[in-house]
Amino acid sequence: MPLKIDPHLTAQQLTPKLRRVFELSASKILSIERTWNPAQGTPVFTVKGRYTSRGWTEWTQGFQFGSAILQFDATNEARFLELGRLKTLELMATHVSHTGVHDHGFNNVSTYGNLWRLMREGAVPWNEDRNHFYELALKVSGAVQAARWTSLADGRGYIYSFNGPHSLFVDTVRSLRSLALAHQLGHVLMGERDQRISLLQRLLVHGEATARYSIYYGEGRDTYDLRGRTAHESLFNLNDGSYRCPNSQQGYSPFSTWTRGLAWAMLGYAEQLEFLDALLTSPESGKPARPQPTDPQETSRSVTESQAIFLKAALATADFYLDHSCADGIPMWDTGAPNLHRLRDYADQSADPFNPWEPVDSSAAAIAAQGLFRLGHYLRRQGKLKAATRYRQAGLTVANTLFDEPYLSLSPRHQGLILHSVYHRPNGWDYVAPGQKVPNGESSMWGDYHARELAVLLWREARGESYLRFFWP
């Protein structure tokens, strides 16, 4: 196993690093706020240490304002709460009703969802009007996301990506949070002739489709079937609803693993396992305000069946990450990148973001670390203590690397928090500095947000506070 897990590391031991993360985070959030012009679009990634805008869709704006809300969560500094709240009100409404993307869980749960959660937790004073406002946004967002639906020949289906109805992205499993919250709040998607479509059922069906088509299990599916490997994109024939082949937009090839896509699956399934567990063990977590179209016993049975599928996917992807990251827990950007052979035994050593052949991706590590820790938390609740300890300690080990140099950005002139993130290597969108041969030294909005989210999760753990989760209670 390339990742050398520290079996003794605790969240409490990470406290000094976590404190420094939030000290640095504060100035970087304020720097972006001072210099960013909303007319330029949404900040996506840095070039020479300054955030710039470039991308397919504005899928990162929720991370921008969600970062300020997480900063308040950790530090209780009211100015960050006010910043996140005001910018959500001013600029996020179009994301709630955006019918053209698969990113509702990224944009809207990071903003409206975090604000709603903090109020529910009692971290901010209760305000009935604001609570209704957040809940309305979350209900609409979940339904709009669920409406972006392709039906398959077997009667199942998936939420399709911004590429179109033929395209299933592995990323979207983390966007299922929007459906989960809308369902928890008692909402449904209204279809033709007033058909009431269960958001929970669409969540389960999409999660199962992703597990079936986007994740491999070493069961002979094709020549490159390695357990836990993921395909960024799965393509379907819309004429008959049949699966055709894997594909990749941001990875090297359909038959290698883009590690950020892998990380999205790791975290997405771990979070959904926590949510489904709450539905089964704490009925109030999923009790709808209005009757749902499914029988309670049937819903319970389908949730249990989906849990097993989700767990299989979560374990496979987590194990693949542990086997294919570098020894310190930071992965290369793609496990099949064409020049990895030039790095020889790279996986047996700490990652080198300054190597001349292939970039690492710290943003994948930030997402994956949370996925590992959450999977460990879920397994511990199931009484599987040995496996739980393994994944939990792996998550702490990755966090220990990520929250230190050379990944933690110490320079006040750099607006990014976590360095050495990669956006779109095939398109050549990442900045390569003079004297370097591959991208390094830059940050991304999703990497910084998920580093903060990971830090809040571990900060609460270290202080013995309530466990961070997107749903309530």
Protein backbone atom coordinates (compact mmCIF):
# COMPACT_ATOMS: atom_id res chain seq x y z
CA MET A 1 0.00 0.00 0.00
CA PRO A 2 1.70 3.28 -1.11
CA LEU A 3 -0.06 5.46 1.51
CA LYS A 4 1.82 5.08 4.79
CA ILE A 5 -0.98 5.45 7.32
CA ASP A 6 -0.04 6.92 10.69
CA PRO A 7 -1.92 4.65 13.12
CA HIS A 8 -1.45 6.96 16.11
CA LEU A 9 -2.33 10.38 14.69
CA THR A 10 -5.30 12.14 16.29
CA ALA A 11 -7.37 15.17 15.39
CA GLN A 12 -6.17 16.78 18.62
CA GLN A 13 -2.58 16.50 17.43
CA LEU A 14 -3.55 18.37 14.28
CA THR A 15 -4.93 21.33 16.27
CA PRO A 16 -1.89 23.61 15.73
CA LYS A 17 -2.03 22.98 11.99
CA LEU A 18 -5.79 23.51 11.88
CA ARG A 19 -5.47 26.78 13.77
CA ARG A 20 -2.85 27.98 11.28
CA VAL A 21 -5.09 26.93 8.36
CA PHE A 22 -7.85 29.25 9.56
CA GLU A 23 -5.44 32.06 10.36
CA LEU A 24 -4.17 31.97 6.78
CA SER A 25 -7.64 31.35 5.37
CA ALA A 26 -9.04 34.59 6.78
CA SER A 27 -6.71 36.91 4.92
CA LYS A 28 -7.09 34.99 1.66
CA ILE A 29 -10.89 35.18 1.74
CA LEU A 30 -10.69 38.93 2.37
CA SER A 31 -8.08 39.40 -0.35
CA ILE A 32 -10.35 37.79 -2.94
CA GLU A 33 -13.29 39.87 -1.75
CA ARG A 34 -11.26 43.10 -2.08
CA THR A 35 -9.95 42.42 -5.55
CA TRP A 36 -12.60 40.33 -7.31
CA ASN A 37 -14.97 41.97 -9.77
CA PRO A 38 -18.19 39.90 -10.03
CA ALA A 39 -18.62 41.14 -13.60
CA GLN A 40 -15.62 38.97 -14.53
CA GLY A 41 -17.54 35.82 -13.62
CA THR A 42 -16.64 33.37 -10.89
CA PRO A 43 -13.12 32.82 -9.53
CA VAL A 44 -12.00 29.33 -10.49
CA PHE A 45 -8.23 28.91 -10.06
CA THR A 46 -5.13 31.02 -9.56
CA VAL A 47 -2.57 32.23 -12.05
CA LYS A 48 0.59 33.61 -10.48
CA GLY A 49 -1.19 33.50 -7.14
CA ARG A 50 -4.25 35.56 -8.17
CA TYR A 51 -7.68 34.06 -8.71
CA THR A 52 -8.91 34.13 -12.31
CA SER A 53 -12.07 33.04 -14.10
CA ARG A 54 -12.13 30.30 -16.68
CA GLY A 55 -14.25 27.22 -17.04
CA TRP A 56 -17.22 25.49 -18.57
CA THR A 57 -19.84 26.77 -16.12
CA GLU A 58 -19.85 28.92 -12.99
CA TRP A 59 -19.71 25.88 -10.72
CA THR A 60 -17.33 27.40 -8.16
CA GLN A 61 -19.20 30.48 -6.92
CA GLY A 62 -20.77 28.55 -4.07
CA PHE A 63 -17.28 27.56 -2.94
CA GLN A 64 -16.24 31.21 -2.89
CA PHE A 65 -18.98 32.34 -0.51
CA GLY A 66 -19.24 28.99 1.24
CA SER A 67 -15.60 29.43 2.28
CA ALA A 68 -16.51 32.56 4.21
CA ILE A 69 -19.33 30.69 5.96
CA LEU A 70 -16.98 27.85 6.92
CA GLN A 71 -14.50 30.42 8.22
CA PHE A 72 -17.21 31.69 10.56
CA ASP A 73 -18.05 28.12 11.54
CA ALA A 74 -14.48 27.59 12.73
CA THR A 75 -13.66 31.00 14.20
CA ASN A 76 -17.00 32.60 15.12
CA GLU A 77 -15.88 35.82 13.40
CA ALA A 78 -19.14 37.54 12.48
CA ARG A 79 -17.70 39.43 9.49
CA PHE A 80 -17.30 36.16 7.59
CA LEU A 81 -20.85 35.09 8.32
CA GLU A 82 -22.10 38.45 7.09
CA LEU A 83 -19.94 38.23 3.97
CA GLY A 84 -21.19 34.76 3.11
CA ARG A 85 -24.79 35.66 3.87
CA LEU A 86 -24.85 38.88 1.84
CA LYS A 87 -23.09 37.43 -1.18
CA THR A 88 -25.41 34.43 -1.16
CA LEU A 89 -28.37 36.80 -1.20
CA GLU A 90 -26.89 39.00 -3.92
CA LEU A 91 -25.36 36.50 -6.32
CA MET A 92 -26.54 32.93 -5.77
CA ALA A 93 -30.21 33.06 -6.83
CA THR A 94 -29.51 32.12 -10.44
CA HIS A 95 -27.71 29.00 -9.28
CA VAL A 96 -30.84 27.81 -7.47
CA SER A 97 -32.88 27.72 -10.68
CA HIS A 98 -30.02 26.77 -13.03
CA THR A 99 -31.34 23.98 -15.25
CA GLY A 100 -28.17 23.52 -17.27
CA VAL A 101 -25.72 22.03 -14.75
CA HIS A 102 -25.14 19.06 -12.45
CA ASP A 103 -23.52 21.24 -9.77
CA HIS A 104 -26.36 22.16 -7.39
CA GLY A 105 -24.77 20.30 -4.50
CA PHE A 106 -21.58 22.28 -5.02
CA ASN A 107 -23.04 25.76 -5.38
CA ASN A 108 -26.18 25.73 -3.27
CA VAL A 109 -25.45 23.33 -0.43
CA SER A 110 -22.15 25.17 0.15
CA THR A 111 -24.05 28.45 0.64
CA TYR A 112 -27.75 28.13 1.45
CA GLY A 113 -27.09 24.71 2.96
CA ASN A 114 -24.32 25.87 5.28
CA LEU A 115 -26.35 28.88 6.39
CA TRP A 116 -29.36 26.65 7.10
CA ARG A 117 -27.18 24.16 8.98
CA LEU A 118 -25.59 26.81 11.20
CA MET A 119 -29.00 28.14 12.17
CA ARG A 120 -30.23 24.64 12.95
CA GLU A 121 -27.16 23.99 15.06
CA GLY A 122 -27.74 27.16 17.05
CA ALA A 123 -24.46 28.71 15.91
CA VAL A 124 -26.39 31.79 14.76
CA PRO A 125 -29.60 33.23 16.25
CA TRP A 126 -32.80 31.70 14.96
CA ASN A 127 -34.60 33.81 12.38
CA GLU A 128 -37.83 32.39 10.99
CA ASP A 129 -37.76 34.42 7.78
CA ARG A 130 -34.17 33.50 6.98
CA ASN A 131 -34.85 29.86 7.74
CA HIS A 132 -37.78 29.86 5.31
CA PHE A 133 -35.61 31.61 2.71
CA TYR A 134 -32.81 29.02 2.99
CA GLU A 135 -35.27 26.14 2.93
CA LEU A 136 -37.09 27.45 -0.12
CA ALA A 137 -33.78 27.79 -1.99
CA LEU A 138 -32.75 24.26 -1.01
CA LYS A 139 -36.12 22.78 -2.00
CA VAL A 140 -36.06 24.40 -5.43
CA SER A 141 -32.41 23.53 -5.99
CA GLY A 142 -32.95 19.85 -5.23
CA ALA A 143 -35.96 19.62 -7.53
CA VAL A 144 -34.26 21.48 -10.39
CA GLN A 145 -31.24 19.17 -10.09
CA ALA A 146 -33.45 16.05 -10.07
CA ALA A 147 -35.31 17.26 -13.17
CA ARG A 148 -32.12 16.97 -15.22
CA TRP A 149 -32.88 13.30 -15.81
CA THR A 150 -32.15 10.65 -18.41
CA SER A 151 -34.17 7.43 -18.29
CA LEU A 152 -32.45 4.16 -19.19
CA ALA A 153 -33.69 1.03 -20.92
CA ASP A 154 -33.92 -0.89 -17.62
CA GLY A 155 -36.26 1.69 -16.12
CA ARG A 156 -33.54 3.37 -14.11
CA GLY A 157 -31.71 6.59 -14.91
CA TYR A 158 -29.30 9.32 -13.87
CA ILE A 159 -28.83 13.07 -13.50
CA TYR A 160 -27.02 14.03 -16.66
CA SER A 161 -24.00 16.30 -16.82
CA PHE A 162 -23.73 19.66 -18.54
CA ASN A 163 -22.43 17.79 -21.59
CA GLY A 164 -25.97 16.64 -22.31
CA PRO A 165 -28.45 13.80 -21.73
CA HIS A 166 -26.02 11.13 -22.97
CA SER A 167 -23.47 11.93 -20.25
CA LEU A 168 -23.15 10.68 -16.67
CA PHE A 169 -20.35 12.31 -14.63
CA VAL A 170 -18.90 10.62 -11.56
CA ASP A 171 -18.70 14.10 -9.93
CA THR A 172 -22.46 14.33 -9.62
CA VAL A 173 -22.64 11.80 -6.81
CA ARG A 174 -21.50 14.59 -4.50
CA SER A 175 -24.21 16.86 -5.86
CA LEU A 176 -26.82 14.42 -4.53
CA ARG A 177 -26.69 16.42 -1.31
CA SER A 178 -29.10 18.87 -2.92
CA LEU A 179 -31.67 16.11 -3.46
CA ALA A 180 -31.13 14.78 0.05
CA LEU A 181 -31.80 18.14 1.70
CA ALA A 182 -34.83 18.90 -0.46
CA HIS A 183 -36.27 15.48 0.42
CA GLN A 184 -35.56 16.03 4.10
CA LEU A 185 -37.44 19.31 3.87
CA GLY A 186 -40.49 17.49 2.46
CA HIS A 187 -40.16 18.54 -1.15
CA VAL A 188 -40.90 16.60 -4.34
CA LEU A 189 -40.35 17.22 -8.03
CA MET A 190 -43.62 17.87 -9.83
CA GLY A 191 -43.71 16.38 -13.31
CA GLU A 192 -46.16 16.14 -16.19
CA ARG A 193 -49.84 15.86 -15.22
CA ASP A 194 -48.88 16.62 -11.61
CA GLN A 195 -46.79 13.50 -11.18
CA ARG A 196 -45.10 13.62 -7.76
CA ILE A 197 -41.53 12.38 -8.20
CA SER A 198 -39.65 11.37 -5.05
CA LEU A 199 -36.32 13.14 -4.70
CA LEU A 200 -35.09 10.35 -2.44
CA GLN A 201 -35.81 7.77 -5.13
CA ARG A 202 -33.96 9.81 -7.74
CA LEU A 203 -31.03 10.12 -5.32
CA LEU A 204 -30.93 6.37 -4.82
CA VAL A 205 -31.31 5.53 -8.52
CA HIS A 206 -28.62 8.01 -9.60
CA GLY A 207 -26.24 6.74 -6.92
CA GLU A 208 -26.80 3.18 -8.08
CA ALA A 209 -26.22 4.11 -11.73
CA THR A 210 -22.96 5.84 -10.85
CA ALA A 211 -21.85 2.81 -8.83
CA ARG A 212 -22.69 0.51 -11.72
CA TYR A 213 -21.23 2.45 -14.64
CA SER A 214 -18.62 4.84 -13.24
CA ILE A 215 -16.87 2.52 -10.79
CA TYR A 216 -15.04 -0.74 -11.44
CA TYR A 217 -14.81 -3.70 -9.07
CA GLY A 218 -12.23 -6.05 -10.59
CA GLU A 219 -14.99 -8.30 -11.89
CA GLY A 220 -13.84 -8.56 -15.52
CA ARG A 221 -15.85 -5.71 -16.98
CA ASP A 222 -13.04 -4.91 -19.42
CA THR A 223 -9.29 -5.35 -19.83
CA TYR A 224 -8.59 -2.42 -17.50
CA ASP A 225 -11.01 -3.42 -14.74
CA LEU A 226 -9.20 -2.67 -11.48
CA ARG A 227 -11.21 -2.62 -8.26
CA GLY A 228 -11.99 0.96 -7.31
CA ARG A 229 -10.97 2.54 -10.61
CA THR A 230 -13.36 5.25 -11.78
CA ALA A 231 -14.37 6.65 -15.15
CA HIS A 232 -14.97 10.39 -15.21
CA GLU A 233 -17.77 10.11 -17.75
CA SER A 234 -20.08 7.27 -18.85
CA LEU A 235 -21.76 7.54 -22.26
CA PHE A 236 -25.19 6.22 -23.26
CA ASN A 237 -27.14 5.71 -26.49
CA LEU A 238 -30.23 7.88 -26.09
CA ASN A 239 -32.10 6.03 -28.83
CA ASP A 240 -32.43 2.87 -26.77
CA GLY A 241 -31.15 3.94 -23.34
CA SER A 242 -28.19 1.54 -23.36
CA TYR A 243 -24.71 2.03 -21.90
CA ARG A 244 -21.97 2.40 -24.50
CA CYS A 245 -18.55 3.17 -23.02
CA PRO A 246 -16.44 5.06 -20.47
CA ASN A 247 -14.98 8.45 -21.33
CA SER A 248 -12.93 11.16 -19.68
CA GLN A 249 -13.08 14.93 -19.95
CA GLN A 250 -10.46 15.98 -17.40
CA GLY A 251 -8.49 12.76 -17.00
CA TYR A 252 -5.87 11.25 -19.30
CA SER A 253 -8.02 8.49 -20.78
CA PRO A 254 -11.28 6.57 -20.29
CA PHE A 255 -9.24 3.61 -19.02
CA SER A 256 -7.17 5.39 -16.39
CA THR A 257 -8.38 7.14 -13.26
CA TRP A 258 -8.58 10.91 -12.95
CA THR A 259 -7.95 11.20 -9.22
CA ARG A 260 -10.25 14.14 -8.51
CA GLY A 261 -13.13 12.18 -10.03
CA LEU A 262 -12.11 9.30 -7.79
CA ALA A 263 -12.15 11.65 -4.79
CA TRP A 264 -15.63 12.96 -5.67
CA ALA A 265 -16.90 9.39 -5.58
CA MET A 266 -15.16 8.66 -2.27
CA LEU A 267 -16.68 11.65 -0.52
CA GLY A 268 -20.04 11.51 -2.26
CA TYR A 269 -20.74 7.92 -1.29
CA ALA A 270 -19.43 8.33 2.26
CA GLU A 271 -21.74 11.31 2.83
CA GLN A 272 -24.73 9.54 1.34
CA LEU A 273 -24.09 6.52 3.54
CA GLU A 274 -24.27 8.84 6.54
CA PHE A 275 -27.49 10.37 5.25
CA LEU A 276 -29.15 7.01 4.53
CA ASP A 277 -28.06 5.70 7.91
CA ALA A 278 -29.78 8.68 9.52
CA LEU A 279 -32.95 7.97 7.53
CA LEU A 280 -33.07 4.44 8.88
CA THR A 281 -31.95 5.05 12.46
CA SER A 282 -33.38 8.53 13.09
CA PRO A 283 -36.70 8.78 11.24
CA GLU A 284 -36.96 12.51 12.00
CA SER A 285 -33.94 13.12 9.75
CA GLY A 286 -35.92 12.17 6.70
CA LYS A 287 -39.47 12.79 7.84
CA PRO A 288 -41.17 14.78 5.07
CA ALA A 289 -43.41 17.73 5.79
CA ARG A 290 -45.85 16.38 3.16
CA PRO A 291 -46.68 12.79 2.21
CA GLN A 292 -44.23 11.18 -0.20
CA PRO A 293 -45.42 8.98 -3.08
CA THR A 294 -43.67 5.86 -1.77
CA ASP A 295 -44.83 3.43 0.88
CA PRO A 296 -42.69 3.75 4.07
CA GLN A 297 -41.82 0.04 4.11
CA GLU A 298 -40.89 0.09 0.44
CA THR A 299 -38.75 3.18 0.98
CA SER A 300 -36.95 1.54 3.89
CA ARG A 301 -36.27 -1.55 1.79
CA SER A 302 -34.92 0.46 -1.16
CA VAL A 303 -32.73 2.55 1.14
CA THR A 304 -31.22 -0.61 2.62
CA GLU A 305 -30.54 -2.03 -0.84
CA SER A 306 -28.92 1.22 -1.96
CA GLN A 307 -26.80 1.34 1.19
CA ALA A 308 -25.18 -1.95 0.23
CA ILE A 309 -24.43 -0.68 -3.28
CA PHE A 310 -23.12 2.64 -1.99
CA LEU A 311 -20.91 0.89 0.58
CA LYS A 312 -19.41 -1.38 -2.06
CA ALA A 313 -18.56 1.69 -4.15
CA ALA A 314 -17.19 3.63 -1.17
CA LEU A 315 -14.91 0.80 -0.07
CA ALA A 316 -13.64 0.09 -3.57
CA THR A 317 -12.79 3.72 -4.36
CA ALA A 318 -11.21 4.31 -0.93
CA ASP A 319 -9.00 1.25 -1.30
CA PHE A 320 -7.99 2.27 -4.81
CA TYR A 321 -6.97 5.70 -3.50
CA LEU A 322 -4.91 4.16 -0.70
CA ASP A 323 -3.16 1.88 -3.18
CA HIS A 324 -2.44 4.54 -5.81
CA SER A 325 -1.64 7.76 -3.96
CA CYS A 326 1.90 8.65 -3.02
CA ALA A 327 3.24 7.59 0.38
CA ASP A 328 2.16 10.87 2.03
CA GLY A 329 -1.41 10.65 0.69
CA ILE A 330 -1.15 13.15 -2.19
CA PRO A 331 -2.09 11.65 -5.58
CA MET A 332 -0.82 12.33 -9.05
CA TRP A 333 -3.48 13.96 -11.24
CA ASP A 334 -4.22 10.70 -13.11
CA THR A 335 -3.11 7.16 -12.37
CA GLY A 336 -2.37 6.54 -16.06
CA ALA A 337 -0.68 9.84 -16.89
CA PRO A 338 1.76 9.20 -19.76
CA ASN A 339 4.99 10.24 -18.05
CA LEU A 340 4.53 8.53 -14.69
CA HIS A 341 6.99 5.84 -15.75
CA ARG A 342 9.70 8.51 -15.74
CA LEU A 343 9.12 9.02 -12.01
CA ARG A 344 9.91 5.34 -11.35
CA ASP A 345 8.85 4.41 -7.78
CA TYR A 346 6.97 7.66 -7.19
CA ALA A 347 4.15 6.03 -5.21
CA ASP A 348 6.59 4.70 -2.59
CA GLN A 349 7.78 8.23 -1.79
CA SER A 350 6.24 11.51 -0.72
CA ALA A 351 4.71 13.35 -3.66
CA ASP A 352 6.91 15.89 -5.41
CA PRO A 353 4.81 18.73 -6.86
CA PHE A 354 7.92 20.19 -8.51
CA ASN A 355 8.82 17.11 -10.53
CA PRO A 356 9.28 17.81 -14.26
CA TRP A 357 6.99 15.09 -15.62
CA GLU A 358 3.46 15.01 -14.20
CA PRO A 359 1.52 17.24 -11.77
CA VAL A 360 0.09 16.16 -8.45
CA ASP A 361 -3.42 17.23 -7.47
CA SER A 362 -3.78 18.53 -3.93
CA SER A 363 -7.47 19.29 -4.48
CA ALA A 364 -8.11 15.56 -4.96
CA ALA A 365 -6.34 14.96 -1.64
CA ALA A 366 -8.51 17.55 0.16
CA ILE A 367 -11.69 15.88 -1.10
CA ALA A 368 -10.45 12.33 -0.58
CA ALA A 369 -9.25 12.94 2.99
CA GLN A 370 -12.76 13.93 4.03
CA GLY A 371 -14.19 10.92 2.22
CA LEU A 372 -11.81 8.58 4.06
CA PHE A 373 -12.58 10.12 7.45
CA ARG A 374 -16.34 10.01 6.87
CA LEU A 375 -16.21 6.41 5.67
CA GLY A 376 -14.38 5.55 8.89
CA HIS A 377 -17.03 7.37 10.92
CA TYR A 378 -19.82 5.48 9.15
CA LEU A 379 -18.16 2.09 9.61
CA ARG A 380 -17.58 2.79 13.29
CA ARG A 381 -21.31 3.38 13.69
CA GLN A 382 -21.86 0.01 12.04
CA GLY A 383 -19.55 -1.68 14.55
CA LYS A 384 -16.82 -2.43 11.98
CA LEU A 385 -14.07 -1.00 14.15
CA LYS A 386 -10.97 -2.40 12.42
CA ALA A 387 -11.94 -1.09 9.00
CA ALA A 388 -13.22 2.15 10.52
CA THR A 389 -9.86 2.81 12.17
CA ARG A 390 -7.99 2.16 8.93
CA TYR A 391 -9.94 4.70 6.88
CA ARG A 392 -10.16 7.24 9.67
CA GLN A 393 -6.40 7.16 10.21
CA ALA A 394 -5.82 7.38 6.48
CA GLY A 395 -7.92 10.54 6.33
CA LEU A 396 -5.98 12.07 9.21
CA THR A 397 -2.69 11.14 7.54
CA VAL A 398 -3.64 12.88 4.30
CA ALA A 399 -4.84 15.95 6.23
CA ASN A 400 -1.55 16.05 8.12
CA THR A 401 0.32 16.31 4.81
CA LEU A 402 -2.10 18.74 3.19
CA PHE A 403 -2.11 21.23 6.07
CA ASP A 404 1.61 21.81 5.94
CA GLU A 405 4.24 22.95 3.46
CA PRO A 406 4.62 22.60 0.55
CA TYR A 407 0.81 22.47 0.19
CA LEU A 408 -0.37 25.07 2.68
CA SER A 409 0.07 28.51 1.14
CA LEU A 410 1.92 30.75 3.60
CA SER A 411 2.50 33.75 1.35
CA PRO A 412 0.14 36.70 1.95
CA ARG A 413 0.54 37.61 -1.73
CA HIS A 414 -0.97 34.31 -2.87
CA GLN A 415 -4.78 34.23 -2.75
CA GLY A 416 -4.97 30.46 -2.68
CA LEU A 417 -5.01 28.40 0.50
CA ILE A 418 -3.86 25.00 -0.81
CA LEU A 419 -1.14 24.89 -3.46
CA HIS A 420 -0.52 22.43 -6.30
CA SER A 421 -4.07 21.95 -7.49
CA VAL A 422 -4.86 20.98 -11.10
CA TYR A 423 -7.97 21.92 -13.06
CA HIS A 424 -7.95 20.67 -16.66
CA ARG A 425 -4.69 19.12 -17.74
CA PRO A 426 -5.89 17.89 -21.18
CA ASN A 427 -7.15 21.37 -22.13
CA GLY A 428 -3.98 23.04 -20.88
CA TRP A 429 -5.89 25.45 -18.66
CA ASP A 430 -3.46 25.27 -15.73
CA TYR A 431 -0.67 27.82 -15.42
CA VAL A 432 2.89 26.56 -15.86
CA ALA A 433 5.41 28.94 -14.31
CA PRO A 434 8.66 29.90 -16.07
CA GLY A 435 11.27 27.23 -15.46
CA GLN A 436 8.65 24.57 -14.75
CA LYS A 437 7.44 21.85 -17.10
CA VAL A 438 4.14 21.00 -15.42
CA PRO A 439 1.56 23.00 -13.43
CA ASN A 440 2.34 23.57 -9.76
CA GLY A 441 2.17 26.29 -7.14
CA GLU A 442 -1.43 27.27 -7.91
CA SER A 443 -4.77 26.85 -6.14
CA SER A 444 -8.39 26.16 -7.03
CA MET A 445 -11.64 27.32 -5.50
CA TRP A 446 -12.85 23.74 -4.98
CA GLY A 447 -9.54 22.69 -3.44
CA ASP A 448 -9.55 25.60 -1.01
CA TYR A 449 -13.21 25.08 -0.08
CA HIS A 450 -12.82 21.38 0.58
CA ALA A 451 -9.66 21.96 2.56
CA ARG A 452 -11.65 24.35 4.77
CA GLU A 453 -14.51 21.87 5.03
CA LEU A 454 -12.06 19.13 6.03
CA ALA A 455 -10.48 21.47 8.56
CA VAL A 456 -13.87 22.31 10.12
CA LEU A 457 -14.69 18.60 10.35
CA LEU A 458 -11.41 17.84 12.14
CA TRP A 459 -11.53 21.04 14.24
CA ARG A 460 -14.87 19.94 15.65
CA GLU A 461 -13.53 16.45 16.24
CA ALA A 462 -10.49 17.79 18.10
CA ARG A 463 -12.63 20.00 20.32
CA GLY A 464 -15.26 17.37 21.04
CA GLU A 465 -17.98 19.34 19.25
CA SER A 466 -20.86 18.08 17.12
CA TYR A 467 -19.98 16.05 14.05
CA LEU A 468 -20.17 18.05 10.82
CA ARG A 469 -22.76 16.83 8.34
CA PHE A 470 -24.80 18.57 5.67
CA PHE A 471 -28.23 17.40 6.87
CA TRP A 472 -30.09 17.85 10.14
CA PRO A 473 -30.25 16.53 12.82
